[in-house]
Amino acid sequence: MTLTNVGLGPAVVKSSQVMLDGAPLPVESSEDVQPLLERVFPGVQLGSSVAFFKLNREHAVQVGKEVELVSFVVMNPSSDFDKEIKRFSIRISHESLYGETLHYDTRDHQPPPV
């Protein structure tokens, strides 16, 4: 999953949180992702590379910059995997160049109204 800043100026991150079924998860690094996926999807076989990039507070994402938030390969997806993976989301609050606080939820793929 890649996030791109398509705004007019840098987006300064105020918070970011990985969610499962609307509840926050303690995900801070790539090492946290694999056991989480294995717990939620018992028997899943992941490829050799699991990556997660935590957007920390005050991290600035420049205009046009792409940030790969999470990536992994599932070797044996179940028939329900596409549906079940949607239980996960990432919520990001950021501040615009103009001081506006905006919110982004990967489930919406666009900023929800504030």
PDB file of N, CA and C in Angstrom:
ATOM      1  N   MET A   1       0.846  -1.160   0.000  1.00  0.00           N
ATOM      2  CA  MET A   1       0.000   0.000   0.000  1.00  0.00           C
ATOM      3  C   MET A   1       0.897   1.229   0.000  1.00  0.00           C
ATOM      4  N   THR A   2       0.677   2.074  -0.975  1.00  0.00           N
ATOM      5  CA  THR A   2       1.484   3.275  -1.129  1.00  0.00           C
ATOM      6  C   THR A   2       0.617   4.507  -0.924  1.00  0.00           C
ATOM      7  N   LEU A   3       1.164   5.483  -0.225  1.00  0.00           N
ATOM      8  CA  LEU A   3       0.497   6.757   0.019  1.00  0.00           C
ATOM      9  C   LEU A   3       1.254   7.832  -0.745  1.00  0.00           C
ATOM     10  N   THR A   4       0.525   8.698  -1.454  1.00  0.00           N
ATOM     11  CA  THR A   4       1.147   9.784  -2.208  1.00  0.00           C
ATOM     12  C   THR A   4       0.538  11.108  -1.773  1.00  0.00           C
ATOM     13  N   ASN A   5       1.374  12.097  -1.513  1.00  0.00           N
ATOM     14  CA  ASN A   5       0.891  13.437  -1.193  1.00  0.00           C
ATOM     15  C   ASN A   5       0.557  14.142  -2.501  1.00  0.00           C
ATOM     16  N   VAL A   6      -0.727  14.354  -2.744  1.00  0.00           N
ATOM     17  CA  VAL A   6      -1.170  15.036  -3.961  1.00  0.00           C
ATOM     18  C   VAL A   6      -1.669  16.446  -3.646  1.00  0.00           C
ATOM     19  N   GLY A   7      -1.311  16.951  -2.462  1.00  0.00           N
ATOM     20  CA  GLY A   7      -1.734  18.291  -2.057  1.00  0.00           C
ATOM     21  C   GLY A   7      -0.869  19.376  -2.666  1.00  0.00           C
ATOM     22  N   LEU A   8      -1.058  20.596  -2.161  1.00  0.00           N
ATOM     23  CA  LEU A   8      -0.323  21.756  -2.659  1.00  0.00           C
ATOM     24  C   LEU A   8       0.982  21.998  -1.909  1.00  0.00           C
ATOM     25  N   GLY A   9       1.129  21.366  -0.766  1.00  0.00           N
ATOM     26  CA  GLY A   9       2.332  21.560   0.039  1.00  0.00           C
ATOM     27  C   GLY A   9       2.605  20.323   0.863  1.00  0.00           C
ATOM     28  N   PRO A  10       3.641  20.378   1.691  1.00  0.00           N
ATOM     29  CA  PRO A  10       3.980  19.212   2.506  1.00  0.00           C
ATOM     30  C   PRO A  10       2.866  18.879   3.495  1.00  0.00           C
ATOM     31  N   ALA A  11       2.727  17.596   3.775  1.00  0.00           N
ATOM     32  CA  ALA A  11       1.778  17.115   4.780  1.00  0.00           C
ATOM     33  C   ALA A  11       2.596  16.720   6.003  1.00  0.00           C
ATOM     34  N   VAL A  12       2.335  17.364   7.127  1.00  0.00           N
ATOM     35  CA  VAL A  12       3.064  17.069   8.358  1.00  0.00           C
ATOM     36  C   VAL A  12       2.207  16.126   9.201  1.00  0.00           C
ATOM     37  N   VAL A  13       2.715  14.927   9.415  1.00  0.00           N
ATOM     38  CA  VAL A  13       1.969  13.890  10.129  1.00  0.00           C
ATOM     39  C   VAL A  13       1.817  14.277  11.597  1.00  0.00           C
ATOM     40  N   LYS A  14       0.598  14.167  12.083  1.00  0.00           N
ATOM     41  CA  LYS A  14       0.309  14.397  13.498  1.00  0.00           C
ATOM     42  C   LYS A  14       0.116  13.074  14.227  1.00  0.00           C
ATOM     43  N   SER A  15      -0.443  12.079  13.523  1.00  0.00           N
ATOM     44  CA  SER A  15      -0.579  10.743  14.100  1.00  0.00           C
ATOM     45  C   SER A  15      -0.839   9.747  12.980  1.00  0.00           C
ATOM     46  N   SER A  16      -0.472   8.495  13.236  1.00  0.00           N
ATOM     47  CA  SER A  16      -0.815   7.408  12.319  1.00  0.00           C
ATOM     48  C   SER A  16      -1.052   6.165  13.156  1.00  0.00           C
ATOM     49  N   GLN A  17      -2.021   5.373  12.726  1.00  0.00           N
ATOM     50  CA  GLN A  17      -2.394   4.208  13.514  1.00  0.00           C
ATOM     51  C   GLN A  17      -2.880   3.096  12.597  1.00  0.00           C
ATOM     52  N   VAL A  18      -2.344   1.892  12.796  1.00  0.00           N
ATOM     53  CA  VAL A  18      -2.846   0.705  12.111  1.00  0.00           C
ATOM     54  C   VAL A  18      -4.045   0.209  12.913  1.00  0.00           C
ATOM     55  N   MET A  19      -5.114  -0.142  12.198  1.00  0.00           N
ATOM     56  CA  MET A  19      -6.354  -0.563  12.845  1.00  0.00           C
ATOM     57  C   MET A  19      -6.767  -1.948  12.344  1.00  0.00           C
ATOM     58  N   LEU A  20      -7.419  -2.718  13.215  1.00  0.00           N
ATOM     59  CA  LEU A  20      -8.044  -3.985  12.846  1.00  0.00           C
ATOM     60  C   LEU A  20      -9.463  -3.947  13.386  1.00  0.00           C
ATOM     61  N   ASP A  21     -10.429  -4.036  12.501  1.00  0.00           N
ATOM     62  CA  ASP A  21     -11.845  -3.956  12.885  1.00  0.00           C
ATOM     63  C   ASP A  21     -12.130  -2.692  13.693  1.00  0.00           C
ATOM     64  N   GLY A  22     -11.449  -1.595  13.349  1.00  0.00           N
ATOM     65  CA  GLY A  22     -11.669  -0.318  14.007  1.00  0.00           C
ATOM     66  C   GLY A  22     -10.924  -0.128  15.313  1.00  0.00           C
ATOM     67  N   ALA A  23     -10.178  -1.135  15.758  1.00  0.00           N
ATOM     68  CA  ALA A  23      -9.421  -1.034  17.009  1.00  0.00           C
ATOM     69  C   ALA A  23      -7.935  -0.842  16.694  1.00  0.00           C
ATOM     70  N   PRO A  24      -7.251   0.039  17.437  1.00  0.00           N
ATOM     71  CA  PRO A  24      -5.831   0.279  17.174  1.00  0.00           C
ATOM     72  C   PRO A  24      -4.966  -0.937  17.501  1.00  0.00           C
ATOM     73  N   LEU A  25      -3.908  -1.094  16.713  1.00  0.00           N
ATOM     74  CA  LEU A  25      -2.948  -2.182  16.906  1.00  0.00           C
ATOM     75  C   LEU A  25      -1.573  -1.602  17.215  1.00  0.00           C
ATOM     76  N   PRO A  26      -0.781  -2.294  18.031  1.00  0.00           N
ATOM     77  CA  PRO A  26       0.569  -1.818  18.351  1.00  0.00           C
ATOM     78  C   PRO A  26       1.574  -2.220  17.272  1.00  0.00           C
ATOM     79  N   VAL A  27       1.529  -1.537  16.133  1.00  0.00           N
ATOM     80  CA  VAL A  27       2.441  -1.831  15.029  1.00  0.00           C
ATOM     81  C   VAL A  27       3.424  -0.675  14.901  1.00  0.00           C
ATOM     82  N   GLU A  28       4.687  -0.969  15.143  1.00  0.00           N
ATOM     83  CA  GLU A  28       5.724   0.055  15.087  1.00  0.00           C
ATOM     84  C   GLU A  28       6.770  -0.217  14.017  1.00  0.00           C
ATOM     85  N   SER A  29       6.861  -1.494  13.565  1.00  0.00           N
ATOM     86  CA  SER A  29       7.910  -1.841  12.609  1.00  0.00           C
ATOM     87  C   SER A  29       7.492  -3.059  11.790  1.00  0.00           C
ATOM     88  N   SER A  30       8.304  -3.386  10.794  1.00  0.00           N
ATOM     89  CA  SER A  30       8.048  -4.555   9.946  1.00  0.00           C
ATOM     90  C   SER A  30       7.967  -5.836  10.762  1.00  0.00           C
ATOM     91  N   GLU A  31       8.750  -5.906  11.843  1.00  0.00           N
ATOM     92  CA  GLU A  31       8.763  -7.109  12.678  1.00  0.00           C
ATOM     93  C   GLU A  31       7.413  -7.359  13.347  1.00  0.00           C
ATOM     94  N   ASP A  32       6.596  -6.325  13.499  1.00  0.00           N
ATOM     95  CA  ASP A  32       5.275  -6.472  14.118  1.00  0.00           C
ATOM     96  C   ASP A  32       4.227  -6.985  13.138  1.00  0.00           C
ATOM     97  N   VAL A  33       4.453  -6.807  11.835  1.00  0.00           N
ATOM     98  CA  VAL A  33       3.434  -7.119  10.831  1.00  0.00           C
ATOM     99  C   VAL A  33       3.271  -8.622  10.621  1.00  0.00           C
ATOM    100  N   GLN A  34       4.361  -9.345  10.452  1.00  0.00           N
ATOM    101  CA  GLN A  34       4.261 -10.772  10.141  1.00  0.00           C
ATOM    102  C   GLN A  34       3.528 -11.560  11.227  1.00  0.00           C
ATOM    103  N   PRO A  35       3.885 -11.442  12.514  1.00  0.00           N
ATOM    104  CA  PRO A  35       3.141 -12.199  13.530  1.00  0.00           C
ATOM    105  C   PRO A  35       1.665 -11.805  13.594  1.00  0.00           C
ATOM    106  N   LEU A  36       1.380 -10.541  13.333  1.00  0.00           N
ATOM    107  CA  LEU A  36      -0.007 -10.077  13.334  1.00  0.00           C
ATOM    108  C   LEU A  36      -0.799 -10.749  12.214  1.00  0.00           C
ATOM    109  N   LEU A  37      -0.239 -10.766  11.005  1.00  0.00           N
ATOM    110  CA  LEU A  37      -0.914 -11.422   9.885  1.00  0.00           C
ATOM    111  C   LEU A  37      -1.087 -12.914  10.144  1.00  0.00           C
ATOM    112  N   GLU A  38      -0.071 -13.538  10.715  1.00  0.00           N
ATOM    113  CA  GLU A  38      -0.149 -14.973  11.008  1.00  0.00           C
ATOM    114  C   GLU A  38      -1.204 -15.268  12.073  1.00  0.00           C
ATOM    115  N   ARG A  39      -1.397 -14.342  13.020  1.00  0.00           N
ATOM    116  CA  ARG A  39      -2.418 -14.526  14.053  1.00  0.00           C
ATOM    117  C   ARG A  39      -3.825 -14.348  13.477  1.00  0.00           C
ATOM    118  N   VAL A  40      -3.995 -13.337  12.630  1.00  0.00           N
ATOM    119  CA  VAL A  40      -5.313 -13.050  12.058  1.00  0.00           C
ATOM    120  C   VAL A  40      -5.675 -14.055  10.960  1.00  0.00           C
ATOM    121  N   PHE A  41      -4.659 -14.531  10.228  1.00  0.00           N
ATOM    122  CA  PHE A  41      -4.873 -15.480   9.134  1.00  0.00           C
ATOM    123  C   PHE A  41      -4.078 -16.754   9.411  1.00  0.00           C
ATOM    124  N   PRO A  42      -4.564 -17.623  10.295  1.00  0.00           N
ATOM    125  CA  PRO A  42      -3.822 -18.844  10.624  1.00  0.00           C
ATOM    126  C   PRO A  42      -3.525 -19.665   9.367  1.00  0.00           C
ATOM    127  N   GLY A  43      -2.300 -20.158   9.274  1.00  0.00           N
ATOM    128  CA  GLY A  43      -1.901 -20.987   8.142  1.00  0.00           C
ATOM    129  C   GLY A  43      -1.424 -20.214   6.933  1.00  0.00           C
ATOM    130  N   VAL A  44      -1.457 -18.883   6.991  1.00  0.00           N
ATOM    131  CA  VAL A  44      -1.009 -18.089   5.853  1.00  0.00           C
ATOM    132  C   VAL A  44       0.504 -18.245   5.680  1.00  0.00           C
ATOM    133  N   GLN A  45       0.941 -18.317   4.434  1.00  0.00           N
ATOM    134  CA  GLN A  45       2.367 -18.362   4.132  1.00  0.00           C
ATOM    135  C   GLN A  45       2.735 -17.045   3.467  1.00  0.00           C
ATOM    136  N   LEU A  46       3.610 -16.294   4.126  1.00  0.00           N
ATOM    137  CA  LEU A  46       4.036 -15.002   3.599  1.00  0.00           C
ATOM    138  C   LEU A  46       5.333 -15.159   2.828  1.00  0.00           C
ATOM    139  N   GLY A  47       5.509 -14.305   1.816  1.00  0.00           N
ATOM    140  CA  GLY A  47       6.765 -14.281   1.080  1.00  0.00           C
ATOM    141  C   GLY A  47       7.894 -13.832   1.993  1.00  0.00           C
ATOM    142  N   SER A  48       9.086 -13.785   1.472  1.00  0.00           N
ATOM    143  CA  SER A  48      10.264 -13.510   2.293  1.00  0.00           C
ATOM    144  C   SER A  48      10.385 -12.060   2.741  1.00  0.00           C
ATOM    145  N   SER A  49       9.652 -11.160   2.117  1.00  0.00           N
ATOM    146  CA  SER A  49       9.810  -9.745   2.444  1.00  0.00           C
ATOM    147  C   SER A  49       8.497  -9.136   2.936  1.00  0.00           C
ATOM    148  N   VAL A  50       8.490  -8.719   4.198  1.00  0.00           N
ATOM    149  CA  VAL A  50       7.367  -7.982   4.777  1.00  0.00           C
ATOM    150  C   VAL A  50       7.916  -6.623   5.176  1.00  0.00           C
ATOM    151  N   ALA A  51       7.299  -5.557   4.667  1.00  0.00           N
ATOM    152  CA  ALA A  51       7.802  -4.211   4.951  1.00  0.00           C
ATOM    153  C   ALA A  51       6.689  -3.344   5.527  1.00  0.00           C
ATOM    154  N   PHE A  52       7.052  -2.502   6.489  1.00  0.00           N
ATOM    155  CA  PHE A  52       6.121  -1.546   7.086  1.00  0.00           C
ATOM    156  C   PHE A  52       6.896  -0.285   7.406  1.00  0.00           C
ATOM    157  N   PHE A  53       6.341   0.861   7.021  1.00  0.00           N
ATOM    158  CA  PHE A  53       6.960   2.147   7.323  1.00  0.00           C
ATOM    159  C   PHE A  53       6.021   2.920   8.230  1.00  0.00           C
ATOM    160  N   LYS A  54       6.469   3.201   9.438  1.00  0.00           N
ATOM    161  CA  LYS A  54       5.673   3.947  10.417  1.00  0.00           C
ATOM    162  C   LYS A  54       5.853   5.438  10.171  1.00  0.00           C
ATOM    163  N   LEU A  55       4.750   6.127   9.921  1.00  0.00           N
ATOM    164  CA  LEU A  55       4.783   7.581   9.788  1.00  0.00           C
ATOM    165  C   LEU A  55       4.738   8.167  11.192  1.00  0.00           C
ATOM    166  N   ASN A  56       5.861   8.642  11.658  1.00  0.00           N
ATOM    167  CA  ASN A  56       5.946   9.201  13.004  1.00  0.00           C
ATOM    168  C   ASN A  56       5.456  10.640  13.035  1.00  0.00           C
ATOM    169  N   ARG A  57       5.106  11.087  14.224  1.00  0.00           N
ATOM    170  CA  ARG A  57       4.654  12.463  14.438  1.00  0.00           C
ATOM    171  C   ARG A  57       5.710  13.436  13.913  1.00  0.00           C
ATOM    172  N   GLU A  58       5.251  14.453  13.203  1.00  0.00           N
ATOM    173  CA  GLU A  58       6.065  15.517  12.608  1.00  0.00           C
ATOM    174  C   GLU A  58       6.828  15.080  11.358  1.00  0.00           C
ATOM    175  N   HIS A  59       6.611  13.846  10.895  1.00  0.00           N
ATOM    176  CA  HIS A  59       7.206  13.418   9.625  1.00  0.00           C
ATOM    177  C   HIS A  59       6.543  14.234   8.516  1.00  0.00           C
ATOM    178  N   ALA A  60       7.323  14.834   7.648  1.00  0.00           N
ATOM    179  CA  ALA A  60       6.782  15.639   6.546  1.00  0.00           C
ATOM    180  C   ALA A  60       6.845  14.836   5.252  1.00  0.00           C
ATOM    181  N   VAL A  61       5.699  14.726   4.591  1.00  0.00           N
ATOM    182  CA  VAL A  61       5.629  14.060   3.294  1.00  0.00           C
ATOM    183  C   VAL A  61       5.530  15.163   2.243  1.00  0.00           C
ATOM    184  N   GLN A  62       6.542  15.270   1.419  1.00  0.00           N
ATOM    185  CA  GLN A  62       6.606  16.328   0.417  1.00  0.00           C
ATOM    186  C   GLN A  62       5.609  16.080  -0.715  1.00  0.00           C
ATOM    187  N   VAL A  63       5.228  17.131  -1.414  1.00  0.00           N
ATOM    188  CA  VAL A  63       4.306  17.038  -2.544  1.00  0.00           C
ATOM    189  C   VAL A  63       4.877  16.075  -3.589  1.00  0.00           C
ATOM    190  N   GLY A  64       4.031  15.171  -4.056  1.00  0.00           N
ATOM    191  CA  GLY A  64       4.442  14.206  -5.070  1.00  0.00           C
ATOM    192  C   GLY A  64       5.207  13.015  -4.525  1.00  0.00           C
ATOM    193  N   LYS A  65       5.552  13.044  -3.259  1.00  0.00           N
ATOM    194  CA  LYS A  65       6.320  11.959  -2.646  1.00  0.00           C
ATOM    195  C   LYS A  65       5.421  10.760  -2.386  1.00  0.00           C
ATOM    196  N   GLU A  66       5.915   9.577  -2.769  1.00  0.00           N
ATOM    197  CA  GLU A  66       5.226   8.328  -2.479  1.00  0.00           C
ATOM    198  C   GLU A  66       5.898   7.666  -1.290  1.00  0.00           C
ATOM    199  N   VAL A  67       5.093   7.181  -0.365  1.00  0.00           N
ATOM    200  CA  VAL A  67       5.598   6.475   0.809  1.00  0.00           C
ATOM    201  C   VAL A  67       4.946   5.097   0.820  1.00  0.00           C
ATOM    202  N   GLU A  68       5.766   4.052   0.758  1.00  0.00           N
ATOM    203  CA  GLU A  68       5.225   2.699   0.845  1.00  0.00           C
ATOM    204  C   GLU A  68       4.985   2.391   2.315  1.00  0.00           C
ATOM    205  N   LEU A  69       3.719   2.305   2.704  1.00  0.00           N
ATOM    206  CA  LEU A  69       3.370   2.082   4.102  1.00  0.00           C
ATOM    207  C   LEU A  69       3.533   0.624   4.504  1.00  0.00           C
ATOM    208  N   VAL A  70       3.037  -0.269   3.677  1.00  0.00           N
ATOM    209  CA  VAL A  70       3.133  -1.697   3.998  1.00  0.00           C
ATOM    210  C   VAL A  70       3.126  -2.495   2.698  1.00  0.00           C
ATOM    211  N   SER A  71       3.919  -3.555   2.688  1.00  0.00           N
ATOM    212  CA  SER A  71       3.890  -4.470   1.546  1.00  0.00           C
ATOM    213  C   SER A  71       4.254  -5.870   2.022  1.00  0.00           C
ATOM    214  N   PHE A  72       3.594  -6.841   1.425  1.00  0.00           N
ATOM    215  CA  PHE A  72       3.881  -8.247   1.701  1.00  0.00           C
ATOM    216  C   PHE A  72       3.250  -9.077   0.595  1.00  0.00           C
ATOM    217  N   VAL A  73       3.713 -10.305   0.467  1.00  0.00           N
ATOM    218  CA  VAL A  73       3.182 -11.234  -0.524  1.00  0.00           C
ATOM    219  C   VAL A  73       2.623 -12.434   0.223  1.00  0.00           C
ATOM    220  N   VAL A  74       1.410 -12.831  -0.129  1.00  0.00           N
ATOM    221  CA  VAL A  74       0.783 -14.016   0.454  1.00  0.00           C
ATOM    222  C   VAL A  74       0.903 -15.140  -0.566  1.00  0.00           C
ATOM    223  N   MET A  75       1.548 -16.225  -0.160  1.00  0.00           N
ATOM    224  CA  MET A  75       1.808 -17.337  -1.072  1.00  0.00           C
ATOM    225  C   MET A  75       0.581 -18.238  -1.260  1.00  0.00           C
ATOM    226  N   ASN A  76      -0.269 -18.318  -0.241  1.00  0.00           N
ATOM    227  CA  ASN A  76      -1.414 -19.233  -0.291  1.00  0.00           C
ATOM    228  C   ASN A  76      -2.695 -18.541   0.184  1.00  0.00           C
ATOM    229  N   PRO A  77      -3.150 -17.499  -0.525  1.00  0.00           N
ATOM    230  CA  PRO A  77      -4.336 -16.787  -0.038  1.00  0.00           C
ATOM    231  C   PRO A  77      -5.580 -17.680  -0.057  1.00  0.00           C
ATOM    232  N   SER A  78      -6.381 -17.556   0.986  1.00  0.00           N
ATOM    233  CA  SER A  78      -7.649 -18.283   1.032  1.00  0.00           C
ATOM    234  C   SER A  78      -8.647 -17.572   0.127  1.00  0.00           C
ATOM    235  N   SER A  79      -9.765 -18.206  -0.108  1.00  0.00           N
ATOM    236  CA  SER A  79     -10.792 -17.596  -0.962  1.00  0.00           C
ATOM    237  C   SER A  79     -11.378 -16.339  -0.322  1.00  0.00           C
ATOM    238  N   ASP A  80     -11.285 -16.218   1.002  1.00  0.00           N
ATOM    239  CA  ASP A  80     -11.812 -15.050   1.715  1.00  0.00           C
ATOM    240  C   ASP A  80     -10.752 -13.984   1.989  1.00  0.00           C
ATOM    241  N   PHE A  81      -9.517 -14.189   1.536  1.00  0.00           N
ATOM    242  CA  PHE A  81      -8.430 -13.292   1.916  1.00  0.00           C
ATOM    243  C   PHE A  81      -8.703 -11.844   1.509  1.00  0.00           C
ATOM    244  N   ASP A  82      -9.157 -11.607   0.275  1.00  0.00           N
ATOM    245  CA  ASP A  82      -9.416 -10.235  -0.176  1.00  0.00           C
ATOM    246  C   ASP A  82     -10.447  -9.542   0.705  1.00  0.00           C
ATOM    247  N   LYS A  83     -11.446 -10.279   1.139  1.00  0.00           N
ATOM    248  CA  LYS A  83     -12.466  -9.716   2.029  1.00  0.00           C
ATOM    249  C   LYS A  83     -11.882  -9.477   3.423  1.00  0.00           C
ATOM    250  N   GLU A  84     -11.160 -10.454   3.933  1.00  0.00           N
ATOM    251  CA  GLU A  84     -10.632 -10.373   5.294  1.00  0.00           C
ATOM    252  C   GLU A  84      -9.555  -9.297   5.455  1.00  0.00           C
ATOM    253  N   ILE A  85      -8.742  -9.074   4.432  1.00  0.00           N
ATOM    254  CA  ILE A  85      -7.666  -8.081   4.555  1.00  0.00           C
ATOM    255  C   ILE A  85      -8.246  -6.676   4.711  1.00  0.00           C
ATOM    256  N   LYS A  86      -9.472  -6.481   4.271  1.00  0.00           N
ATOM    257  CA  LYS A  86     -10.125  -5.179   4.408  1.00  0.00           C
ATOM    258  C   LYS A  86     -10.475  -4.856   5.853  1.00  0.00           C
ATOM    259  N   ARG A  87     -10.298  -5.823   6.742  1.00  0.00           N
ATOM    260  CA  ARG A  87     -10.486  -5.557   8.172  1.00  0.00           C
ATOM    261  C   ARG A  87      -9.393  -4.629   8.698  1.00  0.00           C
ATOM    262  N   PHE A  88      -8.263  -4.580   7.982  1.00  0.00           N
ATOM    263  CA  PHE A  88      -7.147  -3.715   8.360  1.00  0.00           C
ATOM    264  C   PHE A  88      -7.296  -2.357   7.699  1.00  0.00           C
ATOM    265  N   SER A  89      -6.855  -1.317   8.388  1.00  0.00           N
ATOM    266  CA  SER A  89      -6.787   0.015   7.785  1.00  0.00           C
ATOM    267  C   SER A  89      -5.672   0.796   8.464  1.00  0.00           C
ATOM    268  N   ILE A  90      -5.302   1.888   7.842  1.00  0.00           N
ATOM    269  CA  ILE A  90      -4.338   2.810   8.437  1.00  0.00           C
ATOM    270  C   ILE A  90      -5.002   4.179   8.453  1.00  0.00           C
ATOM    271  N   ARG A  91      -4.998   4.808   9.617  1.00  0.00           N
ATOM    272  CA  ARG A  91      -5.556   6.151   9.768  1.00  0.00           C
ATOM    273  C   ARG A  91      -4.417   7.128  10.013  1.00  0.00           C
ATOM    274  N   ILE A  92      -4.459   8.219   9.281  1.00  0.00           N
ATOM    275  CA  ILE A  92      -3.401   9.225   9.382  1.00  0.00           C
ATOM    276  C   ILE A  92      -4.045  10.594   9.557  1.00  0.00           C
ATOM    277  N   SER A  93      -3.581  11.337  10.550  1.00  0.00           N
ATOM    278  CA  SER A  93      -3.958  12.743  10.702  1.00  0.00           C
ATOM    279  C   SER A  93      -2.737  13.563  10.343  1.00  0.00           C
ATOM    280  N   HIS A  94      -2.951  14.602   9.547  1.00  0.00           N
ATOM    281  CA  HIS A  94      -1.821  15.442   9.153  1.00  0.00           C
ATOM    282  C   HIS A  94      -2.265  16.891   9.057  1.00  0.00           C
ATOM    283  N   GLU A  95      -1.275  17.755   9.038  1.00  0.00           N
ATOM    284  CA  GLU A  95      -1.529  19.188   8.949  1.00  0.00           C
ATOM    285  C   GLU A  95      -1.026  19.690   7.609  1.00  0.00           C
ATOM    286  N   SER A  96      -1.832  20.532   6.977  1.00  0.00           N
ATOM    287  CA  SER A  96      -1.445  21.098   5.687  1.00  0.00           C
ATOM    288  C   SER A  96      -0.531  22.301   5.895  1.00  0.00           C
ATOM    289  N   LEU A  97      -0.003  22.792   4.801  1.00  0.00           N
ATOM    290  CA  LEU A  97       0.834  23.990   4.798  1.00  0.00           C
ATOM    291  C   LEU A  97       0.083  25.181   5.397  1.00  0.00           C
ATOM    292  N   TYR A  98      -1.246  25.153   5.295  1.00  0.00           N
ATOM    293  CA  TYR A  98      -2.084  26.252   5.779  1.00  0.00           C
ATOM    294  C   TYR A  98      -2.556  26.052   7.215  1.00  0.00           C
ATOM    295  N   GLY A  99      -2.069  24.997   7.879  1.00  0.00           N
ATOM    296  CA  GLY A  99      -2.427  24.754   9.269  1.00  0.00           C
ATOM    297  C   GLY A  99      -3.716  23.977   9.457  1.00  0.00           C
ATOM    298  N   GLU A 100      -4.323  23.503   8.371  1.00  0.00           N
ATOM    299  CA  GLU A 100      -5.548  22.710   8.469  1.00  0.00           C
ATOM    300  C   GLU A 100      -5.200  21.295   8.923  1.00  0.00           C
ATOM    301  N   THR A 101      -5.993  20.736   9.826  1.00  0.00           N
ATOM    302  CA  THR A 101      -5.824  19.341  10.214  1.00  0.00           C
ATOM    303  C   THR A 101      -6.741  18.497   9.346  1.00  0.00           C
ATOM    304  N   LEU A 102      -6.155  17.517   8.671  1.00  0.00           N
ATOM    305  CA  LEU A 102      -6.892  16.641   7.762  1.00  0.00           C
ATOM    306  C   LEU A 102      -6.724  15.200   8.223  1.00  0.00           C
ATOM    307  N   HIS A 103      -7.679  14.361   7.842  1.00  0.00           N
ATOM    308  CA  HIS A 103      -7.656  12.959   8.243  1.00  0.00           C
ATOM    309  C   HIS A 103      -7.774  12.082   7.006  1.00  0.00           C
ATOM    310  N   TYR A 104      -7.002  11.017   6.992  1.00  0.00           N
ATOM    311  CA  TYR A 104      -7.022  10.067   5.882  1.00  0.00           C
ATOM    312  C   TYR A 104      -7.204   8.670   6.456  1.00  0.00           C
ATOM    313  N   ASP A 105      -8.087   7.905   5.851  1.00  0.00           N
ATOM    314  CA  ASP A 105      -8.326   6.522   6.250  1.00  0.00           C
ATOM    315  C   ASP A 105      -8.211   5.676   4.990  1.00  0.00           C
ATOM    316  N   THR A 106      -7.346   4.682   5.011  1.00  0.00           N
ATOM    317  CA  THR A 106      -7.118   3.878   3.811  1.00  0.00           C
ATOM    318  C   THR A 106      -8.377   3.154   3.343  1.00  0.00           C
ATOM    319  N   ARG A 107      -9.345   2.963   4.217  1.00  0.00           N
ATOM    320  CA  ARG A 107     -10.594   2.320   3.791  1.00  0.00           C
ATOM    321  C   ARG A 107     -11.362   3.204   2.823  1.00  0.00           C
ATOM    322  N   ASP A 108     -11.177   4.508   2.932  1.00  0.00           N
ATOM    323  CA  ASP A 108     -11.903   5.447   2.080  1.00  0.00           C
ATOM    324  C   ASP A 108     -11.124   5.831   0.831  1.00  0.00           C
ATOM    325  N   HIS A 109      -9.825   5.746   0.883  1.00  0.00           N
ATOM    326  CA  HIS A 109      -8.930   6.169  -0.194  1.00  0.00           C
ATOM    327  C   HIS A 109      -9.125   7.620  -0.590  1.00  0.00           C
ATOM    328  N   GLN A 110      -9.655   8.403   0.342  1.00  0.00           N
ATOM    329  CA  GLN A 110      -9.746   9.851   0.188  1.00  0.00           C
ATOM    330  C   GLN A 110      -9.977  10.431   1.577  1.00  0.00           C
ATOM    331  N   PRO A 111      -9.578  11.675   1.805  1.00  0.00           N
ATOM    332  CA  PRO A 111      -9.782  12.246   3.137  1.00  0.00           C
ATOM    333  C   PRO A 111     -11.269  12.354   3.461  1.00  0.00           C
ATOM    334  N   PRO A 112     -11.685  11.840   4.631  1.00  0.00           N
ATOM    335  CA  PRO A 112     -13.086  12.012   5.022  1.00  0.00           C
ATOM    336  C   PRO A 112     -13.329  13.450   5.473  1.00  0.00           C
ATOM    337  N   PRO A 113     -14.581  13.902   5.480  1.00  0.00           N
ATOM    338  CA  PRO A 113     -14.864  15.260   5.959  1.00  0.00           C
ATOM    339  C   PRO A 113     -14.426  15.417   7.407  1.00  0.00           C
ATOM    340  N   VAL A 114     -13.932  16.592   7.744  1.00  0.00           N
ATOM    341  CA  VAL A 114     -13.473  16.849   9.118  1.00  0.00           C
ATOM    342  C   VAL A 114     -14.635  17.324   9.948  1.00  0.00           C
TER     343      VAL A 114
END
